Amino acid sequence: QRQLVESGGGLVQPGGSLRLSCAASGTIIGINTMGWYRQAPGKGRELVAVIRSGGSTDYADSVKGRFTISKDSAKNTAYLQMNSLKPEDTAVYYCNANMRLISETYYINYWGQGTQVTVSS
């Protein structure tokens, strides 16, 4: 089943903005972290941003100052606000959550199917 569902990707011009959303569903008893990864053409997957249960965040150097990760704990949803987008931000963006479902005995990583972000003029 689809535990994580991403939305908000699309085509945007350089300098533009997009906001990605990632909603976790299911009977969740805890979420340690939610994060965003991306895979650009010809590149490996990289961590873009992560937010932990206490609210602390980390960002890839390439997006610092431009991207902001946030969450709405009541909705089990994470967001990635992307500003000043550059062509090199073009990638498939994947949501990740380290969380525990009621049917499991430990926390594991769940992944969304990805949403395409294309930055082009």
Protein backbone atom coordinates (compact mmCIF):
# COMPACT_ATOMS: atom_id res chain seq x y z
CA GLN A 1 0.00 0.00 0.00
CA ARG A 2 1.00 3.58 -0.52
CA GLN A 3 2.14 4.87 2.85
CA LEU A 4 3.64 8.06 1.41
CA VAL A 5 2.06 10.14 -1.32
CA GLU A 6 3.89 13.08 -2.90
CA SER A 7 2.39 15.97 -4.77
CA GLY A 8 3.33 19.39 -6.06
CA GLY A 9 5.91 18.63 -8.70
CA GLY A 10 5.83 20.12 -12.14
CA LEU A 11 7.52 22.38 -14.63
CA VAL A 12 8.79 25.75 -13.49
CA GLN A 13 11.06 28.40 -14.93
CA PRO A 14 14.44 29.20 -13.39
CA GLY A 15 13.98 31.47 -10.41
CA GLY A 16 10.51 30.14 -9.76
CA SER A 17 9.10 28.27 -6.81
CA LEU A 18 7.34 25.02 -6.07
CA ARG A 19 6.00 23.48 -2.92
CA LEU A 20 6.07 19.72 -2.54
CA SER A 21 3.88 17.84 -0.11
CA CYS A 22 4.28 14.37 1.34
CA ALA A 23 1.42 12.85 3.25
CA ALA A 24 1.91 9.73 5.33
CA SER A 25 -1.07 7.49 5.82
CA GLY A 26 -1.94 4.38 7.73
CA THR A 27 -2.16 3.70 11.42
CA ILE A 28 1.08 5.41 12.44
CA ILE A 29 2.34 5.25 15.97
CA GLY A 30 5.47 7.30 15.46
CA ILE A 31 7.53 9.22 12.92
CA ASN A 32 11.19 9.85 13.66
CA THR A 33 12.06 11.76 10.52
CA MET A 34 10.61 12.87 7.25
CA GLY A 35 12.82 13.90 4.41
CA TRP A 36 13.21 14.61 0.75
CA TYR A 37 15.66 12.97 -1.60
CA ARG A 38 16.20 13.60 -5.26
CA GLN A 39 17.68 11.84 -8.21
CA ALA A 40 18.81 13.97 -11.12
CA PRO A 41 19.47 12.58 -14.59
CA GLY A 42 22.77 10.75 -14.59
CA LYS A 43 23.29 11.33 -10.88
CA GLY A 44 22.94 9.32 -7.73
CA ARG A 45 20.25 9.83 -5.16
CA GLU A 46 21.01 12.56 -2.66
CA LEU A 47 19.45 13.78 0.52
CA VAL A 48 17.92 17.20 0.02
CA ALA A 49 16.44 17.93 3.42
CA VAL A 50 15.31 16.15 6.55
CA ILE A 51 13.20 17.17 9.50
CA ARG A 52 13.24 15.26 12.76
CA SER A 53 10.54 14.73 15.31
CA GLY A 54 11.86 17.56 17.47
CA GLY A 55 11.83 19.95 14.54
CA SER A 56 15.53 20.13 13.75
CA THR A 57 16.47 20.19 10.08
CA ASP A 58 19.38 19.46 7.79
CA TYR A 59 19.90 20.47 4.20
CA ALA A 60 22.18 19.62 1.36
CA ASP A 61 24.67 22.41 0.75
CA SER A 62 23.30 22.87 -2.75
CA VAL A 63 19.87 23.91 -1.49
CA LYS A 64 20.67 25.82 1.69
CA GLY A 65 19.08 29.23 1.69
CA ARG A 66 16.68 28.28 -1.08
CA PHE A 67 14.71 25.29 0.21
CA THR A 68 12.79 24.94 3.45
CA ILE A 69 11.45 21.72 4.89
CA SER A 70 8.56 21.81 7.32
CA LYS A 71 5.92 19.52 8.69
CA ASP A 72 2.41 19.46 10.01
CA SER A 73 2.49 16.74 12.61
CA ALA A 74 -1.27 16.69 13.02
CA LYS A 75 -1.59 15.80 9.34
CA ASN A 76 1.51 13.57 9.18
CA THR A 77 2.60 15.69 6.27
CA ALA A 78 5.96 17.15 5.28
CA TYR A 79 6.53 19.99 2.87
CA LEU A 80 9.43 21.21 0.82
CA GLN A 81 9.25 24.83 -0.19
CA MET A 82 11.62 25.35 -3.10
CA ASN A 83 12.51 28.89 -4.07
CA SER A 84 14.97 30.35 -6.55
CA LEU A 85 14.91 27.13 -8.50
CA LYS A 86 17.78 26.36 -10.82
CA PRO A 87 17.99 23.99 -13.77
CA GLU A 88 20.28 21.78 -11.72
CA ASP A 89 17.40 21.21 -9.30
CA THR A 90 15.69 19.17 -11.99
CA ALA A 91 15.16 15.70 -10.58
CA VAL A 92 12.66 13.22 -9.34
CA TYR A 93 11.99 14.10 -5.73
CA TYR A 94 11.22 11.29 -3.32
CA CYS A 95 9.70 11.56 0.10
CA ASN A 96 11.05 9.39 2.88
CA ALA A 97 9.71 8.73 6.33
CA ASN A 98 11.28 6.75 9.12
CA MET A 99 8.20 5.66 10.94
CA ARG A 100 6.48 2.85 12.71
CA LEU A 101 3.12 1.49 11.75
CA ILE A 102 0.94 -0.21 14.28
CA SER A 103 1.49 -3.51 12.49
CA GLU A 104 5.27 -3.34 12.92
CA THR A 105 7.55 -3.75 15.90
CA TYR A 106 10.20 -1.24 14.81
CA TYR A 107 10.76 1.89 12.77
CA ILE A 108 11.57 1.44 9.11
CA ASN A 109 12.02 3.68 6.10
CA TYR A 110 9.13 4.21 3.75
CA TRP A 111 9.38 5.82 0.34
CA GLY A 112 7.03 7.65 -1.92
CA GLN A 113 6.92 6.96 -5.64
CA GLY A 114 8.48 10.29 -6.53
CA THR A 115 7.35 13.48 -8.18
CA GLN A 116 9.09 15.09 -11.13
CA VAL A 117 10.44 18.61 -10.78
CA THR A 118 11.68 20.19 -13.98
CA VAL A 119 13.29 23.62 -14.00
CA SER A 120 13.61 24.91 -17.51
CA SER A 121 13.01 28.00 -19.57
